[in-house]
Amino acid sequence: MTYGWFHSDVPTGQLGAGANGFNRNIQNAAVNLIWNPVSKVAIGLEYMYGWRYLAKAVTTGGEMEGNASRLQLGMQYFF
């Protein structure tokens, strides 16, 4: 299991419209599981989820946000 966090104080008041699109806050988390059903096979499954908030100029109103998730599957056979 992992977790990451990033925060930036984007000076929207000083940058004005130039602040649009800067990352203000990013967070992500992941959890994974590895299973060995038999001695020569490994199966891994990982789920990741992340969300972020973008800075927006005060004149255009508030912040923008979004999120995304991803599922990965991996298999390995040992010779």
PDB file of N, CA and C in Angstrom:
ATOM      1  N   MET A   1       0.848  -1.162   0.000  1.00  0.00           N
ATOM      2  CA  MET A   1       0.000   0.000   0.000  1.00  0.00           C
ATOM      3  C   MET A   1       0.899   1.232   0.000  1.00  0.00           C
ATOM      4  N   THR A   2       0.557   2.209  -0.822  1.00  0.00           N
ATOM      5  CA  THR A   2       1.317   3.459  -0.868  1.00  0.00           C
ATOM      6  C   THR A   2       0.367   4.641  -0.851  1.00  0.00           C
ATOM      7  N   TYR A   3       0.918   5.786  -0.439  1.00  0.00           N
ATOM      8  CA  TYR A   3       0.160   7.035  -0.436  1.00  0.00           C
ATOM      9  C   TYR A   3       1.136   8.165  -0.723  1.00  0.00           C
ATOM     10  N   GLY A   4       0.737   9.094  -1.560  1.00  0.00           N
ATOM     11  CA  GLY A   4       1.573  10.250  -1.857  1.00  0.00           C
ATOM     12  C   GLY A   4       0.753  11.524  -1.790  1.00  0.00           C
ATOM     13  N   TRP A   5       1.398  12.620  -1.392  1.00  0.00           N
ATOM     14  CA  TRP A   5       0.712  13.904  -1.263  1.00  0.00           C
ATOM     15  C   TRP A   5       1.659  15.014  -1.691  1.00  0.00           C
ATOM     16  N   PHE A   6       1.139  15.982  -2.445  1.00  0.00           N
ATOM     17  CA  PHE A   6       1.897  17.142  -2.883  1.00  0.00           C
ATOM     18  C   PHE A   6       1.021  18.372  -2.694  1.00  0.00           C
ATOM     19  N   HIS A   7       1.594  19.443  -2.181  1.00  0.00           N
ATOM     20  CA  HIS A   7       0.862  20.699  -2.024  1.00  0.00           C
ATOM     21  C   HIS A   7       1.762  21.853  -2.430  1.00  0.00           C
ATOM     22  N   SER A   8       1.194  22.806  -3.141  1.00  0.00           N
ATOM     23  CA  SER A   8       1.930  23.989  -3.561  1.00  0.00           C
ATOM     24  C   SER A   8       1.069  25.218  -3.318  1.00  0.00           C
ATOM     25  N   ASP A   9       1.675  26.262  -2.786  1.00  0.00           N
ATOM     26  CA  ASP A   9       0.970  27.526  -2.602  1.00  0.00           C
ATOM     27  C   ASP A   9       1.193  28.391  -3.829  1.00  0.00           C
ATOM     28  N   VAL A  10       0.351  28.209  -4.825  1.00  0.00           N
ATOM     29  CA  VAL A  10       0.452  28.974  -6.065  1.00  0.00           C
ATOM     30  C   VAL A  10      -0.079  30.377  -5.792  1.00  0.00           C
ATOM     31  N   PRO A  11       0.736  31.401  -6.044  1.00  0.00           N
ATOM     32  CA  PRO A  11       0.291  32.775  -5.771  1.00  0.00           C
ATOM     33  C   PRO A  11      -0.664  33.287  -6.856  1.00  0.00           C
ATOM     34  N   THR A  12      -1.918  32.844  -6.800  1.00  0.00           N
ATOM     35  CA  THR A  12      -2.878  33.223  -7.836  1.00  0.00           C
ATOM     36  C   THR A  12      -3.098  34.730  -7.884  1.00  0.00           C
ATOM     37  N   GLY A  13      -3.000  35.382  -6.746  1.00  0.00           N
ATOM     38  CA  GLY A  13      -3.174  36.831  -6.719  1.00  0.00           C
ATOM     39  C   GLY A  13      -2.082  37.557  -7.484  1.00  0.00           C
ATOM     40  N   GLN A  14      -0.865  37.045  -7.461  1.00  0.00           N
ATOM     41  CA  GLN A  14       0.254  37.674  -8.153  1.00  0.00           C
ATOM     42  C   GLN A  14       0.350  37.237  -9.605  1.00  0.00           C
ATOM     43  N   LEU A  15       0.014  35.978  -9.877  1.00  0.00           N
ATOM     44  CA  LEU A  15       0.152  35.462 -11.235  1.00  0.00           C
ATOM     45  C   LEU A  15      -1.060  35.749 -12.116  1.00  0.00           C
ATOM     46  N   GLY A  16      -2.204  36.003 -11.494  1.00  0.00           N
ATOM     47  CA  GLY A  16      -3.413  36.261 -12.269  1.00  0.00           C
ATOM     48  C   GLY A  16      -3.760  35.065 -13.133  1.00  0.00           C
ATOM     49  N   ALA A  17      -4.099  35.321 -14.387  1.00  0.00           N
ATOM     50  CA  ALA A  17      -4.496  34.248 -15.295  1.00  0.00           C
ATOM     51  C   ALA A  17      -3.352  33.275 -15.552  1.00  0.00           C
ATOM     52  N   GLY A  18      -2.105  33.681 -15.293  1.00  0.00           N
ATOM     53  CA  GLY A  18      -0.961  32.786 -15.468  1.00  0.00           C
ATOM     54  C   GLY A  18      -0.968  31.625 -14.504  1.00  0.00           C
ATOM     55  N   ALA A  19      -1.777  31.697 -13.444  1.00  0.00           N
ATOM     56  CA  ALA A  19      -1.865  30.619 -12.458  1.00  0.00           C
ATOM     57  C   ALA A  19      -2.761  29.481 -12.927  1.00  0.00           C
ATOM     58  N   ASN A  20      -3.549  29.698 -13.957  1.00  0.00           N
ATOM     59  CA  ASN A  20      -4.458  28.656 -14.441  1.00  0.00           C
ATOM     60  C   ASN A  20      -3.696  27.396 -14.813  1.00  0.00           C
ATOM     61  N   GLY A  21      -4.130  26.272 -14.294  1.00  0.00           N
ATOM     62  CA  GLY A  21      -3.527  24.999 -14.649  1.00  0.00           C
ATOM     63  C   GLY A  21      -2.402  24.536 -13.746  1.00  0.00           C
ATOM     64  N   PHE A  22      -1.894  25.379 -12.848  1.00  0.00           N
ATOM     65  CA  PHE A  22      -0.855  24.931 -11.915  1.00  0.00           C
ATOM     66  C   PHE A  22      -1.467  23.944 -10.914  1.00  0.00           C
ATOM     67  N   ASN A  23      -0.721  22.906 -10.569  1.00  0.00           N
ATOM     68  CA  ASN A  23      -1.186  21.959  -9.558  1.00  0.00           C
ATOM     69  C   ASN A  23      -1.131  22.603  -8.191  1.00  0.00           C
ATOM     70  N   ARG A  24      -2.244  22.584  -7.483  1.00  0.00           N
ATOM     71  CA  ARG A  24      -2.282  23.105  -6.123  1.00  0.00           C
ATOM     72  C   ARG A  24      -2.141  21.954  -5.123  1.00  0.00           C
ATOM     73  N   ASN A  25      -2.807  20.843  -5.392  1.00  0.00           N
ATOM     74  CA  ASN A  25      -2.783  19.727  -4.459  1.00  0.00           C
ATOM     75  C   ASN A  25      -2.966  18.432  -5.253  1.00  0.00           C
ATOM     76  N   ILE A  26      -2.099  17.446  -5.015  1.00  0.00           N
ATOM     77  CA  ILE A  26      -2.205  16.146  -5.667  1.00  0.00           C
ATOM     78  C   ILE A  26      -2.095  15.075  -4.587  1.00  0.00           C
ATOM     79  N   GLN A  27      -2.976  14.079  -4.659  1.00  0.00           N
ATOM     80  CA  GLN A  27      -2.900  12.943  -3.739  1.00  0.00           C
ATOM     81  C   GLN A  27      -3.126  11.670  -4.545  1.00  0.00           C
ATOM     82  N   ASN A  28      -2.439  10.618  -4.156  1.00  0.00           N
ATOM     83  CA  ASN A  28      -2.679   9.327  -4.808  1.00  0.00           C
ATOM     84  C   ASN A  28      -2.444   8.203  -3.801  1.00  0.00           C
ATOM     85  N   ALA A  29      -3.164   7.112  -4.026  1.00  0.00           N
ATOM     86  CA  ALA A  29      -3.049   5.942  -3.161  1.00  0.00           C
ATOM     87  C   ALA A  29      -3.081   4.696  -4.032  1.00  0.00           C
ATOM     88  N   ALA A  30      -2.394   3.664  -3.582  1.00  0.00           N
ATOM     89  CA  ALA A  30      -2.366   2.403  -4.321  1.00  0.00           C
ATOM     90  C   ALA A  30      -2.311   1.246  -3.335  1.00  0.00           C
ATOM     91  N   VAL A  31      -2.954   0.183  -3.719  1.00  0.00           N
ATOM     92  CA  VAL A  31      -2.913  -1.046  -2.919  1.00  0.00           C
ATOM     93  C   VAL A  31      -2.695  -2.206  -3.893  1.00  0.00           C
ATOM     94  N   ASN A  32      -1.862  -3.161  -3.492  1.00  0.00           N
ATOM     95  CA  ASN A  32      -1.598  -4.281  -4.395  1.00  0.00           C
ATOM     96  C   ASN A  32      -1.590  -5.595  -3.623  1.00  0.00           C
ATOM     97  N   LEU A  33      -1.795  -6.649  -4.394  1.00  0.00           N
ATOM     98  CA  LEU A  33      -1.860  -7.988  -3.855  1.00  0.00           C
ATOM     99  C   LEU A  33      -1.113  -8.915  -4.801  1.00  0.00           C
ATOM    100  N   ILE A  34      -0.240  -9.744  -4.254  1.00  0.00           N
ATOM    101  CA  ILE A  34       0.482 -10.742  -5.053  1.00  0.00           C
ATOM    102  C   ILE A  34       0.100 -12.111  -4.512  1.00  0.00           C
ATOM    103  N   TRP A  35      -0.304 -12.972  -5.409  1.00  0.00           N
ATOM    104  CA  TRP A  35      -0.805 -14.285  -5.032  1.00  0.00           C
ATOM    105  C   TRP A  35      -0.018 -15.353  -5.784  1.00  0.00           C
ATOM    106  N   ASN A  36       0.382 -16.397  -5.100  1.00  0.00           N
ATOM    107  CA  ASN A  36       1.071 -17.547  -5.700  1.00  0.00           C
ATOM    108  C   ASN A  36       0.153 -18.767  -5.617  1.00  0.00           C
ATOM    109  N   PRO A  37      -0.712 -18.969  -6.631  1.00  0.00           N
ATOM    110  CA  PRO A  37      -1.629 -20.105  -6.571  1.00  0.00           C
ATOM    111  C   PRO A  37      -0.916 -21.452  -6.632  1.00  0.00           C
ATOM    112  N   VAL A  38       0.210 -21.507  -7.350  1.00  0.00           N
ATOM    113  CA  VAL A  38       1.077 -22.692  -7.389  1.00  0.00           C
ATOM    114  C   VAL A  38       2.512 -22.195  -7.323  1.00  0.00           C
ATOM    115  N   SER A  39       3.467 -23.081  -7.085  1.00  0.00           N
ATOM    116  CA  SER A  39       4.844 -22.664  -6.827  1.00  0.00           C
ATOM    117  C   SER A  39       5.505 -21.902  -7.979  1.00  0.00           C
ATOM    118  N   LYS A  40       5.136 -22.136  -9.223  1.00  0.00           N
ATOM    119  CA  LYS A  40       5.813 -21.494 -10.350  1.00  0.00           C
ATOM    120  C   LYS A  40       5.033 -20.329 -10.957  1.00  0.00           C
ATOM    121  N   VAL A  41       3.944 -19.910 -10.338  1.00  0.00           N
ATOM    122  CA  VAL A  41       3.107 -18.844 -10.896  1.00  0.00           C
ATOM    123  C   VAL A  41       2.866 -17.773  -9.842  1.00  0.00           C
ATOM    124  N   ALA A  42       3.007 -16.525 -10.258  1.00  0.00           N
ATOM    125  CA  ALA A  42       2.677 -15.382  -9.404  1.00  0.00           C
ATOM    126  C   ALA A  42       1.703 -14.490 -10.170  1.00  0.00           C
ATOM    127  N   ILE A  43       0.678 -14.037  -9.489  1.00  0.00           N
ATOM    128  CA  ILE A  43      -0.322 -13.149 -10.077  1.00  0.00           C
ATOM    129  C   ILE A  43      -0.395 -11.904  -9.193  1.00  0.00           C
ATOM    130  N   GLY A  44      -0.278 -10.749  -9.813  1.00  0.00           N
ATOM    131  CA  GLY A  44      -0.334  -9.504  -9.076  1.00  0.00           C
ATOM    132  C   GLY A  44      -1.476  -8.636  -9.558  1.00  0.00           C
ATOM    133  N   LEU A  45      -2.135  -7.958  -8.630  1.00  0.00           N
ATOM    134  CA  LEU A  45      -3.234  -7.061  -8.936  1.00  0.00           C
ATOM    135  C   LEU A  45      -3.015  -5.773  -8.155  1.00  0.00           C
ATOM    136  N   GLU A  46      -3.123  -4.644  -8.830  1.00  0.00           N
ATOM    137  CA  GLU A  46      -2.906  -3.354  -8.172  1.00  0.00           C
ATOM    138  C   GLU A  46      -3.999  -2.384  -8.578  1.00  0.00           C
ATOM    139  N   TYR A  47      -4.529  -1.661  -7.592  1.00  0.00           N
ATOM    140  CA  TYR A  47      -5.528  -0.624  -7.836  1.00  0.00           C
ATOM    141  C   TYR A  47      -4.936   0.705  -7.388  1.00  0.00           C
ATOM    142  N   MET A  48      -5.022   1.702  -8.263  1.00  0.00           N
ATOM    143  CA  MET A  48      -4.505   3.035  -7.955  1.00  0.00           C
ATOM    144  C   MET A  48      -5.609   4.072  -8.124  1.00  0.00           C
ATOM    145  N   TYR A  49      -5.609   5.056  -7.257  1.00  0.00           N
ATOM    146  CA  TYR A  49      -6.593   6.133  -7.328  1.00  0.00           C
ATOM    147  C   TYR A  49      -5.872   7.445  -7.027  1.00  0.00           C
ATOM    148  N   GLY A  50      -6.160   8.456  -7.790  1.00  0.00           N
ATOM    149  CA  GLY A  50      -5.532   9.757  -7.572  1.00  0.00           C
ATOM    150  C   GLY A  50      -6.503  10.888  -7.831  1.00  0.00           C
ATOM    151  N   TRP A  51      -6.259  12.010  -7.178  1.00  0.00           N
ATOM    152  CA  TRP A  51      -7.073  13.191  -7.399  1.00  0.00           C
ATOM    153  C   TRP A  51      -6.198  14.416  -7.269  1.00  0.00           C
ATOM    154  N   ARG A  52      -6.593  15.479  -7.972  1.00  0.00           N
ATOM    155  CA  ARG A  52      -5.808  16.704  -7.914  1.00  0.00           C
ATOM    156  C   ARG A  52      -6.710  17.922  -8.022  1.00  0.00           C
ATOM    157  N   TYR A  53      -6.189  19.010  -7.508  1.00  0.00           N
ATOM    158  CA  TYR A  53      -6.851  20.299  -7.570  1.00  0.00           C
ATOM    159  C   TYR A  53      -5.920  21.255  -8.301  1.00  0.00           C
ATOM    160  N   LEU A  54      -6.440  21.932  -9.294  1.00  0.00           N
ATOM    161  CA  LEU A  54      -5.647  22.879 -10.068  1.00  0.00           C
ATOM    162  C   LEU A  54      -5.959  24.294  -9.614  1.00  0.00           C
ATOM    163  N   ALA A  55      -4.934  25.128  -9.619  1.00  0.00           N
ATOM    164  CA  ALA A  55      -5.144  26.535  -9.313  1.00  0.00           C
ATOM    165  C   ALA A  55      -5.826  27.205 -10.490  1.00  0.00           C
ATOM    166  N   LYS A  56      -6.624  28.188 -10.184  1.00  0.00           N
ATOM    167  CA  LYS A  56      -7.314  28.969 -11.196  1.00  0.00           C
ATOM    168  C   LYS A  56      -7.248  30.422 -10.770  1.00  0.00           C
ATOM    169  N   ALA A  57      -7.128  31.304 -11.695  1.00  0.00           N
ATOM    170  CA  ALA A  57      -7.059  32.725 -11.360  1.00  0.00           C
ATOM    171  C   ALA A  57      -8.322  33.143 -10.606  1.00  0.00           C
ATOM    172  N   VAL A  58      -8.157  34.031  -9.652  1.00  0.00           N
ATOM    173  CA  VAL A  58      -9.284  34.482  -8.839  1.00  0.00           C
ATOM    174  C   VAL A  58     -10.389  35.057  -9.726  1.00  0.00           C
ATOM    175  N   THR A  59     -10.008  35.722 -10.790  1.00  0.00           N
ATOM    176  CA  THR A  59     -11.002  36.341 -11.666  1.00  0.00           C
ATOM    177  C   THR A  59     -11.852  35.331 -12.418  1.00  0.00           C
ATOM    178  N   THR A  60     -11.357  34.080 -12.579  1.00  0.00           N
ATOM    179  CA  THR A  60     -12.136  33.062 -13.278  1.00  0.00           C
ATOM    180  C   THR A  60     -12.883  32.168 -12.297  1.00  0.00           C
ATOM    181  N   GLY A  61     -12.700  32.384 -11.015  1.00  0.00           N
ATOM    182  CA  GLY A  61     -13.509  31.728  -9.999  1.00  0.00           C
ATOM    183  C   GLY A  61     -13.078  30.345  -9.553  1.00  0.00           C
ATOM    184  N   GLY A  62     -12.525  30.257  -8.345  1.00  0.00           N
ATOM    185  CA  GLY A  62     -12.284  28.983  -7.678  1.00  0.00           C
ATOM    186  C   GLY A  62     -11.253  28.069  -8.284  1.00  0.00           C
ATOM    187  N   GLU A  63     -11.268  26.830  -7.788  1.00  0.00           N
ATOM    188  CA  GLU A  63     -10.317  25.829  -8.234  1.00  0.00           C
ATOM    189  C   GLU A  63     -11.013  24.790  -9.107  1.00  0.00           C
ATOM    190  N   MET A  64     -10.230  24.082  -9.906  1.00  0.00           N
ATOM    191  CA  MET A  64     -10.731  22.967 -10.703  1.00  0.00           C
ATOM    192  C   MET A  64     -10.207  21.686 -10.070  1.00  0.00           C
ATOM    193  N   GLU A  65     -10.945  20.595 -10.212  1.00  0.00           N
ATOM    194  CA  GLU A  65     -10.500  19.341  -9.635  1.00  0.00           C
ATOM    195  C   GLU A  65     -10.831  18.180 -10.550  1.00  0.00           C
ATOM    196  N   GLY A  66     -10.169  17.067 -10.307  1.00  0.00           N
ATOM    197  CA  GLY A  66     -10.421  15.862 -11.087  1.00  0.00           C
ATOM    198  C   GLY A  66      -9.834  14.661 -10.387  1.00  0.00           C
ATOM    199  N   ASN A  67     -10.230  13.474 -10.836  1.00  0.00           N
ATOM    200  CA  ASN A  67      -9.691  12.251 -10.259  1.00  0.00           C
ATOM    201  C   ASN A  67      -9.609  11.187 -11.340  1.00  0.00           C
ATOM    202  N   ALA A  68      -8.856  10.141 -11.043  1.00  0.00           N
ATOM    203  CA  ALA A  68      -8.690   9.031 -11.982  1.00  0.00           C
ATOM    204  C   ALA A  68      -8.345   7.778 -11.197  1.00  0.00           C
ATOM    205  N   SER A  69      -8.710   6.636 -11.762  1.00  0.00           N
ATOM    206  CA  SER A  69      -8.349   5.364 -11.139  1.00  0.00           C
ATOM    207  C   SER A  69      -7.814   4.419 -12.206  1.00  0.00           C
ATOM    208  N   ARG A  70      -7.069   3.422 -11.751  1.00  0.00           N
ATOM    209  CA  ARG A  70      -6.441   2.479 -12.680  1.00  0.00           C
ATOM    210  C   ARG A  70      -6.307   1.123 -11.999  1.00  0.00           C
ATOM    211  N   LEU A  71      -6.509   0.073 -12.772  1.00  0.00           N
ATOM    212  CA  LEU A  71      -6.363  -1.288 -12.294  1.00  0.00           C
ATOM    213  C   LEU A  71      -5.344  -1.996 -13.176  1.00  0.00           C
ATOM    214  N   GLN A  72      -4.368  -2.642 -12.562  1.00  0.00           N
ATOM    215  CA  GLN A  72      -3.321  -3.363 -13.316  1.00  0.00           C
ATOM    216  C   GLN A  72      -3.309  -4.818 -12.873  1.00  0.00           C
ATOM    217  N   LEU A  73      -3.024  -5.680 -13.835  1.00  0.00           N
ATOM    218  CA  LEU A  73      -2.901  -7.096 -13.569  1.00  0.00           C
ATOM    219  C   LEU A  73      -1.590  -7.580 -14.168  1.00  0.00           C
ATOM    220  N   GLY A  74      -0.832  -8.338 -13.427  1.00  0.00           N
ATOM    221  CA  GLY A  74       0.425  -8.890 -13.912  1.00  0.00           C
ATOM    222  C   GLY A  74       0.525 -10.366 -13.572  1.00  0.00           C
ATOM    223  N   MET A  75       1.142 -11.128 -14.467  1.00  0.00           N
ATOM    224  CA  MET A  75       1.324 -12.555 -14.225  1.00  0.00           C
ATOM    225  C   MET A  75       2.765 -12.927 -14.533  1.00  0.00           C
ATOM    226  N   GLN A  76       3.301 -13.857 -13.777  1.00  0.00           N
ATOM    227  CA  GLN A  76       4.678 -14.288 -13.990  1.00  0.00           C
ATOM    228  C   GLN A  76       4.754 -15.799 -13.826  1.00  0.00           C
ATOM    229  N   TYR A  77       5.470 -16.427 -14.763  1.00  0.00           N
ATOM    230  CA  TYR A  77       5.705 -17.866 -14.697  1.00  0.00           C
ATOM    231  C   TYR A  77       7.201 -18.076 -14.511  1.00  0.00           C
ATOM    232  N   PHE A  78       7.578 -18.842 -13.526  1.00  0.00           N
ATOM    233  CA  PHE A  78       8.981 -19.118 -13.220  1.00  0.00           C
ATOM    234  C   PHE A  78       9.401 -20.428 -13.879  1.00  0.00           C
ATOM    235  N   PHE A  79      10.429 -20.386 -14.734  1.00  0.00           N
ATOM    236  CA  PHE A  79      10.921 -21.578 -15.438  1.00  0.00           C
ATOM    237  C   PHE A  79      11.705 -22.451 -14.481  1.00  0.00           C
TER     238      PHE A  79
END
